[in-house]
Amino acid sequence: MKRISVSILNFNGEKNTLECVESLKKIDTSKFKVNIIVIDNGSAERLNLKDSQWDNASLKVIRSEKNLGFSGGHNVGIEYALKKGSDFIVILNNDTYVDKNFLDELLKTAEKDARI
């Protein structure tokens, strides 16, 4: 079973981030394992999310005391995903809302080309 990690960066955008995570919790995980990684990137107020697991999915919240910027924040998520053995890593903006089949479609495309 493939492992897919989704990295989401939060900086003072709790409402959007929570809605993004909720949409990710609805995806079909019957064909792969999903690790949702939220990097709370030095937000003034702490994000109201906790580590959790369900079906073939998990949520990991990593808190940074300072804002590492877009690439620095996602690098934290990517490093975590690679340590967890992810086959694919998806970077999402926190204001993204996904369809329940979006990872299935991305995986189909990625498996057609070994360079992806």
C-alpha atoms as a PDB file:
ATOM      1  CA  MET A   1       0.000   0.000   0.000  1.00  0.00           C
ATOM      2  CA  LYS A   2       1.423   3.375  -1.038  1.00  0.00           C
ATOM      3  CA  ARG A   3       2.059   6.055   1.587  1.00  0.00           C
ATOM      4  CA  ILE A   4       1.076   9.607   0.709  1.00  0.00           C
ATOM      5  CA  SER A   5       1.824  12.605   2.895  1.00  0.00           C
ATOM      6  CA  VAL A   6       0.042  15.930   2.574  1.00  0.00           C
ATOM      7  CA  SER A   7       1.875  18.974   3.939  1.00  0.00           C
ATOM      8  CA  ILE A   8      -0.198  22.003   4.951  1.00  0.00           C
ATOM      9  CA  LEU A   9       1.259  25.222   6.284  1.00  0.00           C
ATOM     10  CA  ASN A  10      -0.671  27.322   8.800  1.00  0.00           C
ATOM     11  CA  PHE A  11       0.181  30.908   9.702  1.00  0.00           C
ATOM     12  CA  ASN A  12      -2.641  32.635  11.578  1.00  0.00           C
ATOM     13  CA  GLY A  13      -5.193  30.962   9.303  1.00  0.00           C
ATOM     14  CA  GLU A  14      -6.956  28.571  11.657  1.00  0.00           C
ATOM     15  CA  LYS A  15     -10.387  28.699   9.960  1.00  0.00           C
ATOM     16  CA  ASN A  16      -8.996  27.839   6.517  1.00  0.00           C
ATOM     17  CA  THR A  17      -6.633  25.205   7.894  1.00  0.00           C
ATOM     18  CA  LEU A  18      -9.372  23.438   9.866  1.00  0.00           C
ATOM     19  CA  GLU A  19     -11.631  23.401   6.780  1.00  0.00           C
ATOM     20  CA  CYS A  20      -8.790  22.039   4.651  1.00  0.00           C
ATOM     21  CA  VAL A  21      -8.106  19.258   7.161  1.00  0.00           C
ATOM     22  CA  GLU A  22     -11.817  18.408   7.347  1.00  0.00           C
ATOM     23  CA  SER A  23     -11.949  18.011   3.561  1.00  0.00           C
ATOM     24  CA  LEU A  24      -8.877  15.751   3.709  1.00  0.00           C
ATOM     25  CA  LYS A  25     -10.524  13.579   6.364  1.00  0.00           C
ATOM     26  CA  LYS A  26     -13.229  12.700   3.801  1.00  0.00           C
ATOM     27  CA  ILE A  27     -10.894  11.303   1.141  1.00  0.00           C
ATOM     28  CA  ASP A  28     -11.070   7.654   0.152  1.00  0.00           C
ATOM     29  CA  THR A  29      -8.126   5.918   1.857  1.00  0.00           C
ATOM     30  CA  SER A  30      -8.941   2.357   0.794  1.00  0.00           C
ATOM     31  CA  LYS A  31      -6.020   2.198  -1.687  1.00  0.00           C
ATOM     32  CA  PHE A  32      -3.264   4.001   0.246  1.00  0.00           C
ATOM     33  CA  LYS A  33      -2.197   5.340   3.630  1.00  0.00           C
ATOM     34  CA  VAL A  34      -2.413   9.087   4.135  1.00  0.00           C
ATOM     35  CA  ASN A  35      -0.402  11.166   6.567  1.00  0.00           C
ATOM     36  CA  ILE A  36      -1.676  14.743   6.912  1.00  0.00           C
ATOM     37  CA  ILE A  37       1.040  17.004   8.282  1.00  0.00           C
ATOM     38  CA  VAL A  38       0.103  20.480   9.480  1.00  0.00           C
ATOM     39  CA  ILE A  39       2.978  22.818  10.226  1.00  0.00           C
ATOM     40  CA  ASP A  40       1.847  25.622  12.535  1.00  0.00           C
ATOM     41  CA  ASN A  41       4.376  28.133  11.270  1.00  0.00           C
ATOM     42  CA  GLY A  42       4.894  30.537  14.178  1.00  0.00           C
ATOM     43  CA  SER A  43       1.251  31.598  14.420  1.00  0.00           C
ATOM     44  CA  ALA A  44       0.363  34.214  17.032  1.00  0.00           C
ATOM     45  CA  GLU A  45      -2.425  31.945  18.299  1.00  0.00           C
ATOM     46  CA  ARG A  46      -1.979  28.197  18.467  1.00  0.00           C
ATOM     47  CA  LEU A  47      -3.947  26.094  16.036  1.00  0.00           C
ATOM     48  CA  ASN A  48      -6.684  24.052  17.705  1.00  0.00           C
ATOM     49  CA  LEU A  49      -5.682  20.668  16.210  1.00  0.00           C
ATOM     50  CA  LYS A  50      -4.242  17.558  17.814  1.00  0.00           C
ATOM     51  CA  ASP A  51      -2.490  14.476  16.470  1.00  0.00           C
ATOM     52  CA  SER A  52      -5.030  11.781  15.576  1.00  0.00           C
ATOM     53  CA  GLN A  53      -5.573   8.608  13.541  1.00  0.00           C
ATOM     54  CA  TRP A  54      -8.497   7.051  11.642  1.00  0.00           C
ATOM     55  CA  ASP A  55      -8.841   4.262   9.057  1.00  0.00           C
ATOM     56  CA  ASN A  56      -5.698   4.443   6.845  1.00  0.00           C
ATOM     57  CA  ALA A  57      -4.960   8.052   7.769  1.00  0.00           C
ATOM     58  CA  SER A  58      -3.289  10.122  10.447  1.00  0.00           C
ATOM     59  CA  LEU A  59      -2.853  13.759  11.364  1.00  0.00           C
ATOM     60  CA  LYS A  60       0.410  15.136  12.726  1.00  0.00           C
ATOM     61  CA  VAL A  61       0.686  18.728  13.951  1.00  0.00           C
ATOM     62  CA  ILE A  62       4.192  20.183  14.092  1.00  0.00           C
ATOM     63  CA  ARG A  63       4.558  23.506  15.859  1.00  0.00           C
ATOM     64  CA  SER A  64       7.309  25.959  14.984  1.00  0.00           C
ATOM     65  CA  GLU A  65       8.055  28.792  17.391  1.00  0.00           C
ATOM     66  CA  LYS A  66       8.973  31.097  14.513  1.00  0.00           C
ATOM     67  CA  ASN A  67       7.701  31.658  10.997  1.00  0.00           C
ATOM     68  CA  LEU A  68      10.009  29.680   8.705  1.00  0.00           C
ATOM     69  CA  GLY A  69       8.408  31.036   5.529  1.00  0.00           C
ATOM     70  CA  PHE A  70       6.709  28.974   2.841  1.00  0.00           C
ATOM     71  CA  SER A  71       9.630  26.785   1.798  1.00  0.00           C
ATOM     72  CA  GLY A  72      11.128  26.500   5.290  1.00  0.00           C
ATOM     73  CA  GLY A  73       7.804  25.468   6.776  1.00  0.00           C
ATOM     74  CA  HIS A  74       7.092  22.880   4.094  1.00  0.00           C
ATOM     75  CA  ASN A  75      10.657  21.559   4.406  1.00  0.00           C
ATOM     76  CA  VAL A  76       9.778  20.632   8.002  1.00  0.00           C
ATOM     77  CA  GLY A  77       6.747  18.712   6.704  1.00  0.00           C
ATOM     78  CA  ILE A  78       8.706  17.064   3.893  1.00  0.00           C
ATOM     79  CA  GLU A  79      11.441  15.945   6.267  1.00  0.00           C
ATOM     80  CA  TYR A  80       8.830  14.396   8.568  1.00  0.00           C
ATOM     81  CA  ALA A  81       7.102  12.689   5.602  1.00  0.00           C
ATOM     82  CA  LEU A  82      10.357  11.174   4.360  1.00  0.00           C
ATOM     83  CA  LYS A  83      11.159   9.845   7.854  1.00  0.00           C
ATOM     84  CA  LYS A  84       7.733   8.170   7.829  1.00  0.00           C
ATOM     85  CA  GLY A  85       8.517   6.437   4.515  1.00  0.00           C
ATOM     86  CA  SER A  86       6.188   8.388   2.237  1.00  0.00           C
ATOM     87  CA  ASP A  87       6.138   7.378  -1.412  1.00  0.00           C
ATOM     88  CA  PHE A  88       4.583  10.685  -2.472  1.00  0.00           C
ATOM     89  CA  ILE A  89       4.343  14.120  -0.864  1.00  0.00           C
ATOM     90  CA  VAL A  90       1.660  16.646  -1.760  1.00  0.00           C
ATOM     91  CA  ILE A  91       1.966  20.302  -0.730  1.00  0.00           C
ATOM     92  CA  LEU A  92      -1.337  22.115  -0.242  1.00  0.00           C
ATOM     93  CA  ASN A  93      -2.185  25.682   0.650  1.00  0.00           C
ATOM     94  CA  ASN A  94      -4.302  25.830   3.791  1.00  0.00           C
ATOM     95  CA  ASP A  95      -7.228  27.379   1.880  1.00  0.00           C
ATOM     96  CA  THR A  96      -7.530  24.320  -0.372  1.00  0.00           C
ATOM     97  CA  TYR A  97     -10.579  22.075  -0.150  1.00  0.00           C
ATOM     98  CA  VAL A  98     -10.247  18.717  -1.857  1.00  0.00           C
ATOM     99  CA  ASP A  99     -12.549  16.200  -3.483  1.00  0.00           C
ATOM    100  CA  LYS A 100     -12.649  12.807  -1.781  1.00  0.00           C
ATOM    101  CA  ASN A 101     -10.986  11.203  -4.834  1.00  0.00           C
ATOM    102  CA  PHE A 102      -8.251  13.751  -5.495  1.00  0.00           C
ATOM    103  CA  LEU A 103      -5.381  11.601  -4.180  1.00  0.00           C
ATOM    104  CA  ASP A 104      -6.561   8.616  -6.196  1.00  0.00           C
ATOM    105  CA  GLU A 105      -6.445  10.713  -9.373  1.00  0.00           C
ATOM    106  CA  LEU A 106      -3.017  12.170  -8.523  1.00  0.00           C
ATOM    107  CA  LEU A 107      -1.652   8.698  -7.800  1.00  0.00           C
ATOM    108  CA  LYS A 108      -2.954   7.326 -11.113  1.00  0.00           C
ATOM    109  CA  THR A 109      -1.142  10.101 -12.971  1.00  0.00           C
ATOM    110  CA  ALA A 110       2.070   9.789 -10.940  1.00  0.00           C
ATOM    111  CA  GLU A 111       2.307   6.052 -11.511  1.00  0.00           C
ATOM    112  CA  LYS A 112       2.217   6.567 -15.294  1.00  0.00           C
ATOM    113  CA  ASP A 113       5.563   8.391 -15.227  1.00  0.00           C
ATOM    114  CA  ALA A 114       8.519   7.197 -13.120  1.00  0.00           C
ATOM    115  CA  ARG A 115       9.946  10.757 -13.079  1.00  0.00           C
ATOM    116  CA  ILE A 116       7.063  11.959 -10.880  1.00  0.00           C
END
